[in-house]
Amino acid sequence: MNHCLIKNFLAAAAMLSALTSCNNDALDTPPSGKIVKVTAKASVDHGDDSRSALSEKNGSIAFAWSSDDRLLVTDESGTALGILDIDNAQSGTFSGTLTGLNEGRNDINIYHFGTSDALPASVADASSLLSLDISSQEGKLTSLRNTDMMFASTSANVTGSEATISFTVTRSTGFAHYKLNFTDGTTLSGNRVTVSGTNLYNRCTFNLDGSIADKTSGDITVENSDGDIYLTIIPERDMALTFTVTVDGNSYSGTLPSRTYNANRFFRKAQGEGVEVTMNAVKENDNTSSTEATLIGPEITLGDNKYRFTGGNLFFNTKTRQWGVFGSQTEYVTKRGWNEDTPEIIDLFGWGATGIDNARQPQYWNADKTLYPSTQETENQNINEIKATQYDWGTAYGRQLSVDVDDGTYVTPTKDEWNTILSTFFIHPGTVNGIKGLLILPCDNSDATKANEILSTAGISQEDISSIKLGQTDALDYTKIVLDSNDQLTAMNSVFLPLAGYSSPSLNGEKNSGITVYYWASSGSYRAAGSNKVANGFSVRIANENLGSSDFNISEWARNYGNCVRLLKKVN
């Protein structure tokens, strides 16, 4: 277990001696002010759970102070004043000597870092930031206290050389309890479990008041697990966790629907019962998703509802007949149409290839093996005669997950909705992991200053940028914003639409991966063109080539082209 550490130890100016000392001798360079004997009464705002010696009671985590609990006290600037040791665990009373207080009122901060060995033997300054590393956890109820960060801001009223204070500490992180359930009866016995997911963070820093200042995305590993897992969680919205483990050479994975994890809360099923995670065997190249997609990017207001993008492009597994969402925003395979000779995973679809009425799998016409709608139309119909004006892949994906498809939980953006999204947010070409694509940053399209602040969270500094506009004729520049990893995208909370390529009837296959991409809208068109009837679909075109026309636009496109799909999920 990595314990919480105080950042920026100043050994040369150490103010506290060994943990067993708490008198004035502990101060090498005492701050100005009085030496005051302090008696403290500590309460806990444990919300749904609590701290130090931890046990479960009535479905929550019961609180009890331990005999080795200690509290660090600083002034408002973070300068250490001393340590309070526990006198009575049952009553939560502490005492100690603080150096640097003045007569009358003194505003102070109080910190509890979990186990006593998390508090260093010498420290001069709590600094403006504290840090927490939860990337490796034991996964046990008893180990939660190792990273139990609690804070309080209060005041000490000094009279003479004594002061009595009373305060309430509040936890800045959350707890969760999970139970891995293997569909084939597999059990764990000391295996390593990895927890990953969108909006999962494994490190953070804190402000002096205990609020979270910065978070670093990353996985959490649980060593020697038996499948009953308790975790410390850094709070975040829309977190969808995936649990993976290898047992006797076989890989297993399970994903939970996204949810909000709040500070000072305990997420569990019931008393002593963890939230069940269904673990399925993972076959090679099996990308089929049976759980809800993770979400990424800002909330998008469209009409009366709010949406967020799924964390990857849509795919279809032709073997299992299941829809899924890639686990990474940069992932694609550039494959269309299916038969015995094509790969299992495809991610290019003809417009309307969803089976909208009953969310069936795509079907193709033998004439060109291009995917078309799987209801109402027959193999003998001409594409120009398909009159439907809207097909939504979100219906197929949502029905597979047994969500309320009639309520529009998952949707493909319409033509107008794509236009709203791409005209509202800050849009810029970029490269992630060597893959070119379009970035949608969570700020207004005119706010270059905010866009740079967002880029700085991923370590990117690029002053000379402005949001591109639909219909512009200048070639797109993918070199100004270059990211090394998907973790940076997560840190920026930004959407990335990769240039995954496309297919057309004139091609014997697919083309232009990394050069051009089309993302379907759910809106179609049907019009007369002379004596012919023409049915097309609208799509967003993003290109890495200048053909003398706009490389970024929304326009009609033949329905028998194979294009990408990116879904939205309603979050209100």
Protein backbone atom coordinates (compact mmCIF):
# COMPACT_ATOMS: atom_id res chain seq x y z
CA MET A 1 0.00 0.00 0.00
CA ASN A 2 1.31 3.44 -0.86
CA HIS A 3 0.55 5.73 2.02
CA CYS A 4 -0.40 9.35 1.79
CA LEU A 5 2.73 11.47 1.92
CA ILE A 6 3.18 15.11 2.78
CA LYS A 7 4.71 16.83 -0.21
CA ASN A 8 7.94 18.84 -0.12
CA PHE A 9 9.56 17.69 3.07
CA LEU A 10 11.99 20.31 4.32
CA ALA A 11 14.43 18.22 6.30
CA ALA A 12 16.86 21.07 6.81
CA ALA A 13 14.21 23.07 8.59
CA ALA A 14 12.46 20.19 10.31
CA MET A 15 10.05 21.31 12.98
CA LEU A 16 8.86 18.01 14.39
CA SER A 17 11.03 15.29 15.88
CA ALA A 18 10.23 11.59 16.14
CA LEU A 19 6.60 10.54 16.25
CA THR A 20 6.89 9.74 19.95
CA SER A 21 7.69 13.39 20.75
CA CYS A 22 5.13 16.15 20.92
CA ASN A 23 6.72 18.82 23.10
CA ASN A 24 8.66 21.98 22.29
CA ASP A 25 11.88 20.01 21.86
CA ALA A 26 10.42 18.80 18.54
CA LEU A 27 10.85 22.27 17.00
CA ASP A 28 14.26 22.98 15.45
CA THR A 29 13.20 26.41 14.19
CA PRO A 30 10.05 27.33 16.10
CA PRO A 31 7.69 29.88 14.56
CA SER A 32 7.07 33.10 16.43
CA GLY A 33 4.30 33.00 19.02
CA LYS A 34 3.40 31.15 22.17
CA ILE A 35 3.99 27.56 23.19
CA VAL A 36 0.48 26.40 24.04
CA LYS A 37 -0.83 23.22 25.62
CA VAL A 38 -3.87 22.16 23.62
CA THR A 39 -6.72 19.81 24.44
CA ALA A 40 -8.88 18.80 21.49
CA LYS A 41 -12.19 17.04 20.94
CA ALA A 42 -12.38 15.50 17.46
CA SER A 43 -15.62 14.48 15.78
CA VAL A 44 -16.05 12.99 12.31
CA ASP A 45 -18.45 13.97 9.57
CA HIS A 46 -18.56 10.40 8.32
CA GLY A 47 -21.55 10.86 6.06
CA ASP A 48 -22.20 7.33 4.98
CA ASP A 49 -19.05 5.86 6.46
CA SER A 50 -16.15 6.55 8.81
CA ARG A 51 -12.51 6.16 9.68
CA SER A 52 -9.80 4.87 11.66
CA ALA A 53 -10.45 1.39 13.02
CA LEU A 54 -12.98 0.39 10.36
CA SER A 55 -15.75 -2.19 10.43
CA GLU A 56 -19.08 -2.59 8.66
CA LYS A 57 -22.35 -1.96 10.46
CA ASN A 58 -25.83 -1.63 9.01
CA GLY A 59 -24.43 -1.50 5.49
CA SER A 60 -22.04 1.36 6.29
CA ILE A 61 -18.51 1.58 7.61
CA ALA A 62 -18.52 2.16 11.36
CA PHE A 63 -16.10 4.62 12.89
CA ALA A 64 -13.77 4.26 15.88
CA TRP A 65 -10.59 6.17 16.70
CA SER A 66 -7.51 4.01 17.26
CA SER A 67 -4.90 4.22 19.99
CA ASP A 68 -2.21 5.27 17.50
CA ASP A 69 -4.14 8.09 15.82
CA ARG A 70 -2.31 11.41 15.46
CA LEU A 71 -3.24 14.78 13.99
CA LEU A 72 -1.00 17.36 12.32
CA VAL A 73 -1.86 20.98 13.06
CA THR A 74 -0.74 23.89 10.85
CA ASP A 75 -1.52 27.57 10.54
CA GLU A 76 -3.46 28.89 7.54
CA SER A 77 -0.31 29.06 5.41
CA GLY A 78 0.53 25.40 6.03
CA THR A 79 3.36 25.95 8.52
CA ALA A 80 3.41 23.09 11.02
CA LEU A 81 2.56 24.06 14.59
CA GLY A 82 2.76 20.61 16.17
CA ILE A 83 1.16 17.19 16.53
CA LEU A 84 -1.77 16.13 18.69
CA ASP A 85 -1.71 12.58 20.06
CA ILE A 86 -4.82 10.69 21.04
CA ASP A 87 -5.62 10.49 24.77
CA ASN A 88 -8.86 8.56 24.67
CA ALA A 89 -9.89 6.65 21.54
CA GLN A 90 -13.44 6.13 22.80
CA SER A 91 -14.14 9.82 23.34
CA GLY A 92 -11.95 11.11 20.51
CA THR A 93 -9.90 13.45 22.69
CA PHE A 94 -6.37 14.52 21.74
CA SER A 95 -3.70 16.64 23.38
CA GLY A 96 -0.29 18.07 22.59
CA THR A 97 1.86 21.16 22.47
CA LEU A 98 1.59 23.64 19.62
CA THR A 99 4.23 26.29 19.01
CA GLY A 100 3.48 29.51 17.17
CA LEU A 101 0.01 30.46 18.45
CA ASN A 102 -0.91 33.95 19.61
CA GLU A 103 -3.18 35.17 22.35
CA GLY A 104 -6.82 35.11 21.28
CA ARG A 105 -8.15 33.53 18.09
CA ASN A 106 -5.85 31.52 15.80
CA ASP A 107 -7.14 29.98 12.56
CA ILE A 108 -5.67 26.51 12.07
CA ASN A 109 -5.90 23.48 9.80
CA ILE A 110 -5.95 19.90 11.09
CA TYR A 111 -4.97 16.84 9.08
CA HIS A 112 -5.34 13.11 9.58
CA PHE A 113 -3.46 10.89 7.16
CA GLY A 114 -4.65 7.40 8.05
CA THR A 115 -2.23 5.18 9.93
CA SER A 116 0.29 6.81 12.23
CA ASP A 117 3.26 5.86 10.07
CA ALA A 118 1.81 7.99 7.27
CA LEU A 119 2.75 11.06 9.32
CA PRO A 120 6.51 11.69 8.89
CA ALA A 121 8.89 12.05 11.79
CA SER A 122 9.88 15.56 10.78
CA VAL A 123 8.14 18.18 8.71
CA ALA A 124 8.34 21.94 8.60
CA ASP A 125 5.53 22.74 6.22
CA ALA A 126 2.38 20.96 5.06
CA SER A 127 2.99 22.98 1.90
CA SER A 128 0.14 24.28 -0.22
CA LEU A 129 -0.45 20.78 -1.56
CA LEU A 130 -0.68 17.30 -0.08
CA SER A 131 -0.49 14.18 -2.19
CA LEU A 132 -2.18 10.80 -2.22
CA ASP A 133 -1.16 7.70 -4.16
CA ILE A 134 -3.72 4.88 -4.32
CA SER A 135 -2.36 3.13 -7.41
CA SER A 136 -1.67 -0.02 -5.39
CA GLN A 137 -4.14 -1.15 -2.71
CA GLU A 138 -4.52 -4.19 -0.51
CA GLY A 139 -8.24 -4.39 -1.16
CA LYS A 140 -9.15 -5.22 2.45
CA LEU A 141 -11.57 -3.47 4.78
CA THR A 142 -8.84 -3.10 7.38
CA SER A 143 -6.48 -1.46 4.87
CA LEU A 144 -8.82 1.41 3.95
CA ARG A 145 -7.52 3.43 6.88
CA ASN A 146 -4.07 3.51 5.30
CA THR A 147 -5.20 6.23 2.91
CA ASP A 148 -8.01 7.77 4.93
CA MET A 149 -7.45 11.47 4.25
CA MET A 150 -9.44 13.70 6.61
CA PHE A 151 -9.27 17.45 7.11
CA ALA A 152 -10.69 20.21 9.28
CA SER A 153 -10.38 23.99 9.43
CA THR A 154 -11.11 25.54 12.82
CA SER A 155 -9.82 28.10 15.31
CA ALA A 156 -7.97 27.84 18.61
CA ASN A 157 -8.74 30.51 21.23
CA VAL A 158 -5.61 30.88 23.35
CA THR A 159 -5.81 32.14 26.92
CA GLY A 160 -2.42 32.33 28.56
CA SER A 161 -0.63 29.12 27.66
CA GLU A 162 -3.64 26.87 27.11
CA ALA A 163 -6.33 26.32 24.54
CA THR A 164 -9.26 23.96 24.07
CA ILE A 165 -10.55 23.26 20.58
CA SER A 166 -13.40 21.26 19.13
CA PHE A 167 -13.66 20.38 15.47
CA THR A 168 -15.08 17.97 12.89
CA VAL A 169 -12.86 16.30 10.32
CA THR A 170 -14.25 15.35 6.90
CA ARG A 171 -12.99 12.72 4.49
CA SER A 172 -11.87 13.91 1.06
CA THR A 173 -12.00 10.50 -0.64
CA GLY A 174 -14.62 7.78 -0.90
CA PHE A 175 -14.76 4.03 -0.29
CA ALA A 176 -16.27 1.19 -2.32
CA HIS A 177 -16.83 -2.55 -1.91
CA TYR A 178 -16.97 -4.94 -4.87
CA LYS A 179 -17.44 -8.68 -5.31
CA LEU A 180 -16.10 -10.37 -8.46
CA ASN A 181 -18.47 -13.07 -9.72
CA PHE A 182 -17.07 -15.35 -12.45
CA THR A 183 -19.62 -16.77 -14.86
CA ASP A 184 -17.63 -20.00 -15.31
CA GLY A 185 -17.20 -20.60 -11.58
CA THR A 186 -13.58 -19.47 -11.37
CA THR A 187 -12.40 -18.35 -7.92
CA LEU A 188 -9.44 -16.19 -6.95
CA SER A 189 -6.73 -17.16 -4.54
CA GLY A 190 -4.14 -14.43 -4.21
CA ASN A 191 -4.44 -13.09 -7.79
CA ARG A 192 -3.63 -9.60 -8.99
CA VAL A 193 -6.69 -7.58 -10.06
CA THR A 194 -6.36 -4.43 -12.16
CA VAL A 195 -9.04 -1.75 -12.01
CA SER A 196 -9.20 0.69 -14.93
CA GLY A 197 -11.75 2.98 -16.52
CA THR A 198 -12.70 6.41 -17.75
CA ASN A 199 -12.51 9.08 -15.02
CA LEU A 200 -10.59 6.75 -12.68
CA TYR A 201 -7.76 8.49 -10.88
CA ASN A 202 -4.97 6.88 -8.86
CA ARG A 203 -3.14 9.96 -7.59
CA CYS A 204 -4.21 13.40 -6.45
CA THR A 205 -3.05 16.45 -4.59
CA PHE A 206 -4.99 18.42 -1.99
CA ASN A 207 -5.33 22.05 -1.05
CA LEU A 208 -4.82 23.06 2.57
CA ASP A 209 -8.56 22.92 3.18
CA GLY A 210 -8.72 19.29 2.03
CA SER A 211 -10.29 19.96 -1.35
CA ILE A 212 -8.75 18.15 -4.30
CA ALA A 213 -6.42 20.32 -6.35
CA ASP A 214 -5.15 18.04 -9.12
CA LYS A 215 -5.87 14.47 -10.19
CA THR A 216 -3.86 12.00 -12.25
CA SER A 217 -5.69 9.33 -14.21
CA GLY A 218 -4.44 5.78 -13.97
CA ASP A 219 -5.16 2.19 -13.00
CA ILE A 220 -5.41 0.69 -9.50
CA THR A 221 -3.91 -2.72 -8.78
CA VAL A 222 -5.03 -5.01 -5.98
CA GLU A 223 -2.46 -7.66 -5.05
CA ASN A 224 -3.25 -11.09 -3.58
CA SER A 225 -7.00 -10.66 -4.09
CA ASP A 226 -9.68 -13.19 -3.27
CA GLY A 227 -12.27 -11.29 -5.34
CA ASP A 228 -13.81 -9.45 -2.36
CA ILE A 229 -12.39 -5.97 -2.86
CA TYR A 230 -12.53 -2.78 -0.80
CA LEU A 231 -11.11 0.33 -2.49
CA THR A 232 -10.33 3.93 -1.73
CA ILE A 233 -11.74 6.04 -4.59
CA ILE A 234 -10.82 9.57 -5.63
CA PRO A 235 -14.21 11.26 -6.22
CA GLU A 236 -15.36 11.88 -9.79
CA ARG A 237 -18.49 11.89 -11.94
CA ASP A 238 -19.36 9.31 -14.61
CA MET A 239 -16.76 6.74 -13.56
CA ALA A 240 -17.15 3.34 -15.26
CA LEU A 241 -14.78 0.79 -13.74
CA THR A 242 -13.43 -2.29 -15.50
CA PHE A 243 -11.92 -5.15 -13.47
CA THR A 244 -9.45 -7.50 -15.17
CA VAL A 245 -7.58 -10.53 -13.84
CA THR A 246 -5.67 -13.52 -15.19
CA VAL A 247 -6.27 -16.92 -13.59
CA ASP A 248 -4.28 -19.97 -14.73
CA GLY A 249 -3.50 -18.25 -18.02
CA ASN A 250 -7.12 -17.26 -18.70
CA SER A 251 -8.11 -13.60 -18.83
CA TYR A 252 -11.36 -12.29 -17.33
CA SER A 253 -12.98 -8.87 -17.47
CA GLY A 254 -16.06 -7.15 -16.07
CA THR A 255 -17.30 -3.56 -16.34
CA LEU A 256 -19.78 -1.65 -14.20
CA PRO A 257 -22.11 1.07 -15.52
CA SER A 258 -20.84 4.61 -15.02
CA ARG A 259 -21.79 6.35 -11.79
CA THR A 260 -20.73 9.26 -9.61
CA TYR A 261 -18.42 8.53 -6.69
CA ASN A 262 -18.69 11.22 -4.02
CA ALA A 263 -16.30 12.18 -1.25
CA ASN A 264 -17.10 10.84 2.21
CA ARG A 265 -19.39 8.12 0.87
CA PHE A 266 -19.29 4.31 0.87
CA PHE A 267 -20.51 2.58 -2.31
CA ARG A 268 -21.62 -1.02 -1.66
CA LYS A 269 -24.54 -3.40 -2.16
CA ALA A 270 -25.56 -4.08 1.45
CA GLN A 271 -24.18 -4.97 4.86
CA GLY A 272 -20.98 -6.89 4.18
CA GLU A 273 -21.87 -7.32 0.49
CA GLY A 274 -19.94 -5.77 -2.35
CA VAL A 275 -21.44 -4.55 -5.61
CA GLU A 276 -21.39 -7.53 -7.94
CA VAL A 277 -19.04 -7.38 -10.93
CA THR A 278 -19.83 -10.06 -13.52
CA MET A 279 -16.53 -11.43 -14.81
CA ASN A 280 -16.51 -13.07 -18.24
CA ALA A 281 -13.70 -14.93 -19.96
CA VAL A 282 -12.00 -12.70 -22.54
CA LYS A 283 -11.25 -14.34 -25.86
CA GLU A 284 -8.56 -13.08 -28.17
CA ASN A 285 -9.81 -10.13 -30.26
CA ASP A 286 -13.16 -10.23 -28.45
CA ASN A 287 -14.12 -6.58 -28.15
CA THR A 288 -17.81 -7.24 -27.55
CA SER A 289 -19.20 -5.05 -24.82
CA SER A 290 -22.10 -6.30 -22.69
CA THR A 291 -22.04 -3.33 -20.33
CA GLU A 292 -22.63 0.35 -20.78
CA ALA A 293 -19.97 2.48 -22.41
CA THR A 294 -17.78 4.86 -20.48
CA LEU A 295 -18.42 8.55 -21.13
CA ILE A 296 -16.03 11.38 -21.98
CA GLY A 297 -16.10 15.10 -22.59
CA PRO A 298 -18.32 17.97 -21.49
CA GLU A 299 -22.06 17.87 -20.95
CA ILE A 300 -23.77 18.91 -24.18
CA THR A 301 -27.17 20.59 -24.08
CA LEU A 302 -29.34 19.57 -27.01
CA GLY A 303 -32.94 20.68 -26.71
CA ASP A 304 -34.25 19.80 -23.25
CA ASN A 305 -31.63 17.13 -22.56
CA LYS A 306 -27.96 16.88 -21.68
CA TYR A 307 -25.61 14.35 -23.27
CA ARG A 308 -22.01 13.17 -23.19
CA PHE A 309 -20.06 11.26 -25.83
CA THR A 310 -19.23 7.60 -25.38
CA GLY A 311 -15.55 6.90 -24.80
CA GLY A 312 -14.96 5.30 -28.21
CA ASN A 313 -16.41 4.60 -31.65
CA LEU A 314 -19.15 2.03 -32.18
CA PHE A 315 -18.31 -1.47 -33.44
CA PHE A 316 -20.22 -4.65 -34.25
CA ASN A 317 -19.05 -8.22 -33.61
CA THR A 318 -20.22 -10.29 -36.57
CA LYS A 319 -19.66 -13.57 -34.72
CA THR A 320 -21.56 -12.83 -31.52
CA ARG A 321 -24.00 -10.37 -33.19
CA GLN A 322 -23.29 -7.83 -30.47
CA TRP A 323 -22.77 -4.07 -30.58
CA GLY A 324 -20.00 -2.50 -28.54
CA VAL A 325 -17.96 0.63 -27.95
CA PHE A 326 -14.19 0.58 -28.24
CA GLY A 327 -12.43 1.07 -24.91
CA SER A 328 -10.16 3.79 -26.28
CA GLN A 329 -10.88 6.95 -28.26
CA THR A 330 -8.00 6.18 -30.62
CA GLU A 331 -9.10 2.61 -31.40
CA TYR A 332 -10.54 1.56 -34.76
CA VAL A 333 -10.20 -1.29 -37.26
CA THR A 334 -11.46 0.32 -40.53
CA LYS A 335 -13.53 -2.70 -41.54
CA ARG A 336 -16.96 -2.86 -43.18
CA GLY A 337 -19.48 -5.50 -44.42
CA TRP A 338 -19.34 -9.05 -43.12
CA ASN A 339 -19.32 -12.58 -44.37
CA GLU A 340 -17.24 -15.65 -43.67
CA ASP A 341 -14.12 -13.98 -45.02
CA THR A 342 -14.27 -10.74 -43.04
CA PRO A 343 -12.95 -10.10 -39.51
CA GLU A 344 -15.32 -10.43 -36.57
CA ILE A 345 -15.09 -6.77 -35.60
CA ILE A 346 -16.36 -4.12 -38.02
CA ASP A 347 -16.66 -0.37 -37.42
CA LEU A 348 -17.76 1.04 -40.80
CA PHE A 349 -21.49 0.96 -41.50
CA GLY A 350 -23.83 1.87 -44.31
CA TRP A 351 -26.28 4.57 -43.26
CA GLY A 352 -29.09 3.01 -41.25
CA ALA A 353 -27.47 -0.38 -40.65
CA THR A 354 -29.05 -0.88 -37.25
CA GLY A 355 -32.33 -2.74 -37.60
CA ILE A 356 -34.07 0.21 -35.96
CA ASP A 357 -37.42 -1.46 -35.27
CA ASN A 358 -36.07 -4.34 -33.22
CA ALA A 359 -32.38 -3.46 -32.91
CA ARG A 360 -31.27 -6.47 -34.92
CA GLN A 361 -27.76 -6.84 -36.26
CA PRO A 362 -26.78 -5.27 -39.60
CA GLN A 363 -27.50 -7.12 -42.85
CA TYR A 364 -25.89 -6.71 -46.22
CA TRP A 365 -26.94 -7.02 -49.84
CA ASN A 366 -25.12 -9.66 -51.84
CA ALA A 367 -24.68 -7.16 -54.65
CA ASP A 368 -21.84 -5.34 -52.94
CA LYS A 369 -21.75 -6.61 -49.32
CA THR A 370 -22.46 -3.09 -48.08
CA LEU A 371 -24.41 -2.77 -44.85
CA TYR A 372 -27.97 -1.47 -45.13
CA PRO A 373 -31.01 -1.21 -42.83
CA SER A 374 -32.17 -4.65 -41.76
CA THR A 375 -35.91 -4.01 -41.57
CA GLN A 376 -38.55 -3.16 -44.19
CA GLU A 377 -36.11 -3.07 -47.10
CA THR A 378 -35.59 -6.16 -49.25
CA GLU A 379 -32.53 -7.32 -51.15
CA ASN A 380 -34.22 -6.37 -54.44
CA GLN A 381 -34.77 -2.72 -53.54
CA ASN A 382 -32.56 -0.03 -54.94
CA ILE A 383 -30.80 2.19 -52.40
CA ASN A 384 -32.46 5.26 -54.00
CA GLU A 385 -35.86 3.93 -52.95
CA ILE A 386 -35.17 3.78 -49.22
CA LYS A 387 -37.31 6.64 -47.94
CA ALA A 388 -36.59 6.53 -44.22
CA THR A 389 -35.15 9.82 -43.01
CA GLN A 390 -33.67 8.74 -39.67
CA TYR A 391 -31.92 5.67 -38.31
CA ASP A 392 -30.24 5.66 -34.94
CA TRP A 393 -27.50 3.23 -33.95
CA GLY A 394 -28.14 4.23 -30.34
CA THR A 395 -31.39 2.26 -30.45
CA ALA A 396 -29.57 -0.94 -31.35
CA TYR A 397 -26.85 -0.44 -28.75
CA GLY A 398 -29.28 0.64 -26.04
CA ARG A 399 -31.71 -2.21 -26.59
CA GLN A 400 -28.85 -4.68 -26.32
CA LEU A 401 -28.15 -3.22 -22.88
CA SER A 402 -31.87 -3.31 -21.95
CA VAL A 403 -31.97 0.43 -21.34
CA ASP A 404 -35.00 2.55 -22.19
CA VAL A 405 -34.48 3.01 -25.92
CA ASP A 406 -37.81 4.79 -26.28
CA ASP A 407 -36.45 7.46 -23.96
CA GLY A 408 -33.42 7.98 -26.20
CA THR A 409 -30.76 6.99 -23.66
CA TYR A 410 -28.19 6.38 -26.42
CA VAL A 411 -28.45 8.37 -29.63
CA THR A 412 -26.55 9.17 -32.79
CA PRO A 413 -26.35 12.95 -33.23
CA THR A 414 -28.67 14.33 -35.89
CA LYS A 415 -27.37 16.68 -38.56
CA ASP A 416 -28.50 19.70 -36.53
CA GLU A 417 -27.07 18.29 -33.31
CA TRP A 418 -23.68 17.70 -34.92
CA ASN A 419 -23.80 21.28 -36.16
CA THR A 420 -24.58 22.54 -32.63
CA ILE A 421 -21.76 20.52 -31.08
CA LEU A 422 -19.15 21.52 -33.65
CA SER A 423 -20.18 25.18 -33.55
CA THR A 424 -20.35 25.49 -29.75
CA PHE A 425 -17.20 23.86 -28.38
CA PHE A 426 -13.54 24.54 -29.08
CA ILE A 427 -12.65 22.30 -32.03
CA HIS A 428 -9.08 21.65 -33.20
CA PRO A 429 -7.19 19.00 -35.16
CA GLY A 430 -4.70 17.02 -33.12
CA THR A 431 -2.63 13.85 -32.89
CA VAL A 432 -2.92 11.26 -30.09
CA ASN A 433 -0.56 8.27 -29.93
CA GLY A 434 0.42 9.06 -33.51
CA ILE A 435 -3.22 8.98 -34.67
CA LYS A 436 -4.70 12.07 -36.29
CA GLY A 437 -8.19 13.21 -35.42
CA LEU A 438 -10.45 15.99 -34.23
CA LEU A 439 -10.37 17.24 -30.63
CA ILE A 440 -13.48 18.62 -28.94
CA LEU A 441 -12.33 20.59 -25.88
CA PRO A 442 -14.75 21.35 -23.01
CA CYS A 443 -14.88 25.11 -23.50
CA ASP A 444 -16.48 27.72 -25.74
CA ASN A 445 -15.23 27.91 -29.33
CA SER A 446 -14.10 31.51 -28.85
CA ASP A 447 -12.20 30.95 -25.59
CA ALA A 448 -8.61 30.21 -26.64
CA THR A 449 -7.39 31.10 -23.14
CA LYS A 450 -9.53 28.41 -21.55
CA ALA A 451 -8.51 25.96 -24.27
CA ASN A 452 -4.87 26.52 -23.36
CA GLU A 453 -5.67 25.97 -19.69
CA ILE A 454 -7.26 22.64 -20.61
CA LEU A 455 -4.24 21.66 -22.71
CA SER A 456 -1.95 22.52 -19.81
CA THR A 457 -3.57 19.78 -17.70
CA ALA A 458 -2.02 17.33 -20.18
CA GLY A 459 1.33 19.13 -20.18
CA ILE A 460 0.72 20.84 -23.54
CA SER A 461 1.61 24.47 -24.16
CA GLN A 462 0.35 25.90 -27.45
CA GLU A 463 -0.58 29.57 -27.51
CA ASP A 464 -1.21 29.93 -31.25
CA ILE A 465 -4.51 28.10 -31.59
CA SER A 466 -8.06 29.00 -32.47
CA SER A 467 -11.18 26.90 -32.93
CA ILE A 468 -11.73 25.75 -36.51
CA LYS A 469 -15.06 26.38 -38.19
CA LEU A 470 -17.32 24.14 -40.24
CA GLY A 471 -16.84 24.80 -43.94
CA GLN A 472 -13.41 26.38 -43.74
CA THR A 473 -11.26 25.70 -46.81
CA ASP A 474 -7.82 25.87 -45.18
CA ALA A 475 -6.06 22.55 -44.75
CA LEU A 476 -6.28 21.22 -41.19
CA ASP A 477 -3.08 21.33 -39.11
CA TYR A 478 -2.67 18.23 -36.93
CA THR A 479 0.78 19.19 -35.61
CA LYS A 480 -0.06 21.95 -33.14
CA ILE A 481 -1.63 19.66 -30.53
CA VAL A 482 0.20 16.37 -30.06
CA LEU A 483 -0.62 14.04 -27.16
CA ASP A 484 1.27 10.91 -26.17
CA SER A 485 -1.51 8.94 -24.52
CA ASN A 486 -5.23 8.50 -24.00
CA ASP A 487 -4.60 9.35 -20.34
CA GLN A 488 -3.95 12.93 -21.44
CA LEU A 489 -7.29 12.98 -23.23
CA THR A 490 -8.94 11.79 -20.03
CA ALA A 491 -7.14 14.45 -17.99
CA MET A 492 -8.40 17.07 -20.43
CA ASN A 493 -11.94 15.58 -20.40
CA SER A 494 -11.88 15.97 -24.18
CA VAL A 495 -13.47 14.05 -27.04
CA PHE A 496 -11.29 12.68 -29.86
CA LEU A 497 -12.69 11.60 -33.24
CA PRO A 498 -9.94 9.58 -34.99
CA LEU A 499 -9.43 9.64 -38.76
CA ALA A 500 -10.46 6.01 -39.04
CA GLY A 501 -11.00 5.94 -42.82
CA TYR A 502 -14.11 4.89 -44.77
CA SER A 503 -15.30 2.59 -47.55
CA SER A 504 -17.24 3.11 -50.76
CA PRO A 505 -18.90 0.86 -53.39
CA SER A 506 -16.19 1.77 -55.88
CA LEU A 507 -13.54 0.43 -53.52
CA ASN A 508 -12.78 -3.23 -53.09
CA GLY A 509 -12.24 -2.72 -49.39
CA GLU A 510 -11.53 0.27 -47.16
CA LYS A 511 -9.29 3.31 -47.54
CA ASN A 512 -7.78 6.43 -46.09
CA SER A 513 -7.16 5.29 -42.52
CA GLY A 514 -5.36 8.24 -40.95
CA ILE A 515 -6.30 10.53 -43.85
CA THR A 516 -10.07 11.01 -43.97
CA VAL A 517 -13.09 9.95 -41.95
CA TYR A 518 -16.85 10.40 -42.12
CA TYR A 519 -19.03 10.20 -38.99
CA TRP A 520 -22.68 9.47 -39.73
CA ALA A 521 -25.51 11.62 -38.46
CA SER A 522 -28.83 9.87 -37.81
CA SER A 523 -30.45 12.27 -40.27
CA GLY A 524 -31.06 11.10 -43.81
CA SER A 525 -32.35 12.84 -46.91
CA TYR A 526 -34.71 11.80 -49.70
CA ARG A 527 -35.20 13.97 -52.73
CA ALA A 528 -35.96 13.93 -56.42
CA ALA A 529 -33.09 14.54 -58.82
CA GLY A 530 -34.61 14.80 -62.23
CA SER A 531 -36.28 11.47 -62.96
CA ASN A 532 -34.33 9.77 -60.16
CA LYS A 533 -35.04 9.56 -56.45
CA VAL A 534 -31.95 10.04 -54.34
CA ALA A 535 -31.63 8.94 -50.73
CA ASN A 536 -28.50 9.97 -48.82
CA GLY A 537 -27.36 10.33 -45.23
CA PHE A 538 -25.68 13.28 -43.58
CA SER A 539 -22.17 12.92 -42.19
CA VAL A 540 -19.34 14.94 -40.68
CA ARG A 541 -16.25 14.95 -42.91
CA ILE A 542 -12.81 15.37 -41.32
CA ALA A 543 -9.78 15.19 -43.60
CA ASN A 544 -6.00 15.28 -43.54
CA GLU A 545 -5.84 16.23 -47.18
CA ASN A 546 -6.67 19.43 -49.01
CA LEU A 547 -8.76 18.69 -52.07
CA GLY A 548 -9.52 22.31 -52.84
CA SER A 549 -12.72 22.17 -50.80
CA SER A 550 -13.63 22.11 -47.12
CA ASP A 551 -11.88 19.45 -45.07
CA PHE A 552 -14.33 19.95 -42.19
CA ASN A 553 -18.02 20.02 -43.01
CA ILE A 554 -21.42 18.36 -42.70
CA SER A 555 -22.88 17.21 -45.99
CA GLU A 556 -24.95 14.53 -47.70
CA TRP A 557 -23.21 11.26 -48.40
CA ALA A 558 -24.26 8.09 -50.23
CA ARG A 559 -25.87 5.60 -47.86
CA ASN A 560 -23.86 2.71 -49.23
CA TYR A 561 -20.59 4.20 -47.99
CA GLY A 562 -19.08 2.66 -44.88
CA ASN A 563 -18.66 5.36 -42.23
CA CYS A 564 -17.96 5.57 -38.49
CA VAL A 565 -20.49 6.12 -35.72
CA ARG A 566 -20.00 7.89 -32.36
CA LEU A 567 -22.88 7.75 -29.88
CA LEU A 568 -24.12 10.19 -27.25
CA LYS A 569 -25.67 9.13 -23.94
CA LYS A 570 -28.32 11.16 -22.15
CA VAL A 571 -27.13 12.08 -18.64
CA ASN A 572 -30.02 14.15 -17.21
